[in-house]
Amino acid sequence: MQATWKPHEKHGELTAKGDLPDTVFAFPSQRKEPMTDAKHVRNAVARFDQVTDVSDDDRALAFANIKKAAEHYDVKLTETSWRDLGAHPQAHRKEAAAKAVKTKRERGTIKKTGAKAAAPRRG
């Protein structure tokens, strides 16, 4: 698969995701996982299996883009295929996270959320 990723040289200032060209995203059609520096490349690798509603072809393109960006930013990849990063998103991620928080509260390893933290912000 031919990579579509190209470096985006707008360093030193925060940019909105909407300002970035499609060519900086691992998943350009979906505009998911921007890769504008080494930190973002590592983030795209870590979150690869969390991207939902993409085809195998989209994943192959994303991996080609990640490899190209990793090479550009001197990020070492141990994976040789997109399948090494995970092919299927975690279907019940939110439920599992809620269960983990409940278990930790029961064990006393985290405190219950205070009223101030749980209250919605007023703006």
C-alpha atoms as a PDB file:
ATOM      1  CA  MET A   1       0.000   0.000   0.000  1.00  0.00           C
ATOM      2  CA  GLN A   2       1.375   3.412  -0.976  1.00  0.00           C
ATOM      3  CA  ALA A   3       1.587   5.849   1.953  1.00  0.00           C
ATOM      4  CA  THR A   4      -0.126   9.234   1.642  1.00  0.00           C
ATOM      5  CA  TRP A   5       1.487  10.814   4.719  1.00  0.00           C
ATOM      6  CA  LYS A   6       3.516  13.991   4.265  1.00  0.00           C
ATOM      7  CA  PRO A   7       5.222  16.043   6.973  1.00  0.00           C
ATOM      8  CA  HIS A   8       3.428  19.157   8.117  1.00  0.00           C
ATOM      9  CA  GLU A   9       5.890  21.860   9.075  1.00  0.00           C
ATOM     10  CA  LYS A  10       3.703  24.013  11.304  1.00  0.00           C
ATOM     11  CA  HIS A  11       5.759  23.486  14.454  1.00  0.00           C
ATOM     12  CA  GLY A  12       5.837  25.626  17.554  1.00  0.00           C
ATOM     13  CA  GLU A  13       2.199  26.635  17.553  1.00  0.00           C
ATOM     14  CA  LEU A  14      -0.958  24.822  18.459  1.00  0.00           C
ATOM     15  CA  THR A  15      -3.120  24.007  15.487  1.00  0.00           C
ATOM     16  CA  ALA A  16      -6.705  22.902  15.447  1.00  0.00           C
ATOM     17  CA  LYS A  17      -7.290  19.460  13.985  1.00  0.00           C
ATOM     18  CA  GLY A  18      -9.439  21.115  11.314  1.00  0.00           C
ATOM     19  CA  ASP A  19      -6.462  23.186  10.130  1.00  0.00           C
ATOM     20  CA  LEU A  20      -4.370  20.134   9.319  1.00  0.00           C
ATOM     21  CA  PRO A  21      -4.246  18.675   5.799  1.00  0.00           C
ATOM     22  CA  ASP A  22      -5.495  15.118   5.262  1.00  0.00           C
ATOM     23  CA  THR A  23      -1.927  14.061   4.467  1.00  0.00           C
ATOM     24  CA  VAL A  24      -0.827  14.251   8.139  1.00  0.00           C
ATOM     25  CA  PHE A  25      -3.366  11.680   9.375  1.00  0.00           C
ATOM     26  CA  ALA A  26      -2.737   7.962   9.721  1.00  0.00           C
ATOM     27  CA  PHE A  27      -6.347   7.455   8.606  1.00  0.00           C
ATOM     28  CA  PRO A  28      -6.710  10.310   6.083  1.00  0.00           C
ATOM     29  CA  SER A  29     -10.261   9.535   4.898  1.00  0.00           C
ATOM     30  CA  GLN A  30     -11.538   9.593   8.466  1.00  0.00           C
ATOM     31  CA  ARG A  31      -9.075  12.310   9.607  1.00  0.00           C
ATOM     32  CA  LYS A  32      -8.061  10.183  12.582  1.00  0.00           C
ATOM     33  CA  GLU A  33      -4.681  10.025  14.331  1.00  0.00           C
ATOM     34  CA  PRO A  34      -2.772  13.128  13.223  1.00  0.00           C
ATOM     35  CA  MET A  35       1.003  12.669  13.074  1.00  0.00           C
ATOM     36  CA  THR A  36       2.782  16.021  13.235  1.00  0.00           C
ATOM     37  CA  ASP A  37       5.702  14.950  15.451  1.00  0.00           C
ATOM     38  CA  ALA A  38       7.266  11.869  17.067  1.00  0.00           C
ATOM     39  CA  LYS A  39       4.904  11.996  20.052  1.00  0.00           C
ATOM     40  CA  HIS A  40       1.871  11.868  17.758  1.00  0.00           C
ATOM     41  CA  VAL A  41       3.350   8.979  15.768  1.00  0.00           C
ATOM     42  CA  ARG A  42       3.762   6.963  18.969  1.00  0.00           C
ATOM     43  CA  ASN A  43       0.205   7.906  19.933  1.00  0.00           C
ATOM     44  CA  ALA A  44      -1.120   6.694  16.553  1.00  0.00           C
ATOM     45  CA  VAL A  45       0.615   3.351  17.127  1.00  0.00           C
ATOM     46  CA  ALA A  46      -0.786   3.042  20.646  1.00  0.00           C
ATOM     47  CA  ARG A  47      -4.343   3.879  19.586  1.00  0.00           C
ATOM     48  CA  PHE A  48      -4.373   1.995  16.288  1.00  0.00           C
ATOM     49  CA  ASP A  49      -6.710  -0.737  17.539  1.00  0.00           C
ATOM     50  CA  GLN A  50      -9.089   1.817  19.065  1.00  0.00           C
ATOM     51  CA  VAL A  51     -10.070   3.327  15.708  1.00  0.00           C
ATOM     52  CA  THR A  52     -13.535   2.124  14.750  1.00  0.00           C
ATOM     53  CA  ASP A  53     -15.494   1.925  11.506  1.00  0.00           C
ATOM     54  CA  VAL A  54     -12.518   1.436   9.176  1.00  0.00           C
ATOM     55  CA  SER A  55     -11.828  -1.296   6.642  1.00  0.00           C
ATOM     56  CA  ASP A  56      -8.781  -3.522   6.363  1.00  0.00           C
ATOM     57  CA  ASP A  57      -7.658  -1.362   3.429  1.00  0.00           C
ATOM     58  CA  ASP A  58      -7.938   1.731   5.640  1.00  0.00           C
ATOM     59  CA  ARG A  59      -5.816  -0.015   8.291  1.00  0.00           C
ATOM     60  CA  ALA A  60      -3.210  -1.013   5.689  1.00  0.00           C
ATOM     61  CA  LEU A  61      -2.991   2.593   4.486  1.00  0.00           C
ATOM     62  CA  ALA A  62      -2.800   3.858   8.073  1.00  0.00           C
ATOM     63  CA  PHE A  63       0.071   1.494   8.838  1.00  0.00           C
ATOM     64  CA  ALA A  64       1.923   2.612   5.696  1.00  0.00           C
ATOM     65  CA  ASN A  65       1.426   6.212   6.814  1.00  0.00           C
ATOM     66  CA  ILE A  66       2.606   5.417  10.347  1.00  0.00           C
ATOM     67  CA  LYS A  67       5.732   3.720   8.979  1.00  0.00           C
ATOM     68  CA  LYS A  68       6.532   6.710   6.771  1.00  0.00           C
ATOM     69  CA  ALA A  69       5.958   9.213   9.604  1.00  0.00           C
ATOM     70  CA  ALA A  70       7.971   7.055  12.023  1.00  0.00           C
ATOM     71  CA  GLU A  71      10.890   7.024   9.628  1.00  0.00           C
ATOM     72  CA  HIS A  72      10.676  10.802   9.193  1.00  0.00           C
ATOM     73  CA  TYR A  73      10.599  11.482  12.956  1.00  0.00           C
ATOM     74  CA  ASP A  74      13.107   8.720  13.872  1.00  0.00           C
ATOM     75  CA  VAL A  75      10.568   6.625  15.786  1.00  0.00           C
ATOM     76  CA  LYS A  76      11.548   2.964  15.963  1.00  0.00           C
ATOM     77  CA  LEU A  77       8.751   0.536  15.104  1.00  0.00           C
ATOM     78  CA  THR A  78       8.967  -3.121  16.064  1.00  0.00           C
ATOM     79  CA  GLU A  79       5.778  -3.992  14.186  1.00  0.00           C
ATOM     80  CA  THR A  80       6.079  -5.138  10.592  1.00  0.00           C
ATOM     81  CA  SER A  81       2.363  -5.340   9.718  1.00  0.00           C
ATOM     82  CA  TRP A  82      -0.789  -3.507  10.685  1.00  0.00           C
ATOM     83  CA  ARG A  83      -2.022  -6.794  12.136  1.00  0.00           C
ATOM     84  CA  ASP A  84       0.744  -6.537  14.744  1.00  0.00           C
ATOM     85  CA  LEU A  85      -0.951  -3.369  16.025  1.00  0.00           C
ATOM     86  CA  GLY A  86      -4.355  -4.981  16.403  1.00  0.00           C
ATOM     87  CA  ALA A  87      -7.111  -5.302  13.887  1.00  0.00           C
ATOM     88  CA  HIS A  88     -10.231  -5.106  15.962  1.00  0.00           C
ATOM     89  CA  PRO A  89     -11.243  -2.240  18.194  1.00  0.00           C
ATOM     90  CA  GLN A  90     -12.166  -3.051  21.739  1.00  0.00           C
ATOM     91  CA  ALA A  91     -15.911  -3.538  21.443  1.00  0.00           C
ATOM     92  CA  HIS A  92     -16.792  -3.003  25.106  1.00  0.00           C
ATOM     93  CA  ARG A  93     -14.091  -0.503  26.091  1.00  0.00           C
ATOM     94  CA  LYS A  94     -16.436   1.897  27.966  1.00  0.00           C
ATOM     95  CA  GLU A  95     -18.120  -0.871  29.915  1.00  0.00           C
ATOM     96  CA  ALA A  96     -14.767  -2.390  30.868  1.00  0.00           C
ATOM     97  CA  ALA A  97     -13.456   0.988  32.042  1.00  0.00           C
ATOM     98  CA  ALA A  98     -16.559   1.588  34.174  1.00  0.00           C
ATOM     99  CA  LYS A  99     -16.227  -1.873  35.698  1.00  0.00           C
ATOM    100  CA  ALA A 100     -12.553  -1.226  36.483  1.00  0.00           C
ATOM    101  CA  VAL A 101     -13.375   2.037  38.257  1.00  0.00           C
ATOM    102  CA  LYS A 102     -16.100   0.335  40.288  1.00  0.00           C
ATOM    103  CA  THR A 103     -13.714  -2.470  41.298  1.00  0.00           C
ATOM    104  CA  LYS A 104     -11.005   0.007  42.316  1.00  0.00           C
ATOM    105  CA  ARG A 105     -13.483   1.957  44.423  1.00  0.00           C
ATOM    106  CA  GLU A 106     -14.637  -1.238  46.133  1.00  0.00           C
ATOM    107  CA  ARG A 107     -11.026  -2.128  46.905  1.00  0.00           C
ATOM    108  CA  GLY A 108     -10.358   1.384  48.146  1.00  0.00           C
ATOM    109  CA  THR A 109      -7.561   2.018  45.680  1.00  0.00           C
ATOM    110  CA  ILE A 110      -9.270   5.164  44.375  1.00  0.00           C
ATOM    111  CA  LYS A 111     -11.567   7.578  46.117  1.00  0.00           C
ATOM    112  CA  LYS A 112     -15.111   8.307  45.151  1.00  0.00           C
ATOM    113  CA  THR A 113     -15.525  11.408  43.041  1.00  0.00           C
ATOM    114  CA  GLY A 114     -16.343  14.505  45.042  1.00  0.00           C
ATOM    115  CA  ALA A 115     -19.485  16.500  44.354  1.00  0.00           C
ATOM    116  CA  LYS A 116     -17.464  19.385  42.942  1.00  0.00           C
ATOM    117  CA  ALA A 117     -15.611  17.182  40.441  1.00  0.00           C
ATOM    118  CA  ALA A 118     -18.772  15.358  39.393  1.00  0.00           C
ATOM    119  CA  ALA A 119     -20.850  18.502  38.930  1.00  0.00           C
ATOM    120  CA  PRO A 120     -21.180  19.790  35.384  1.00  0.00           C
ATOM    121  CA  ARG A 121     -19.331  22.988  34.563  1.00  0.00           C
ATOM    122  CA  ARG A 122     -21.237  26.184  34.238  1.00  0.00           C
ATOM    123  CA  GLY A 123     -20.010  28.545  31.657  1.00  0.00           C
END
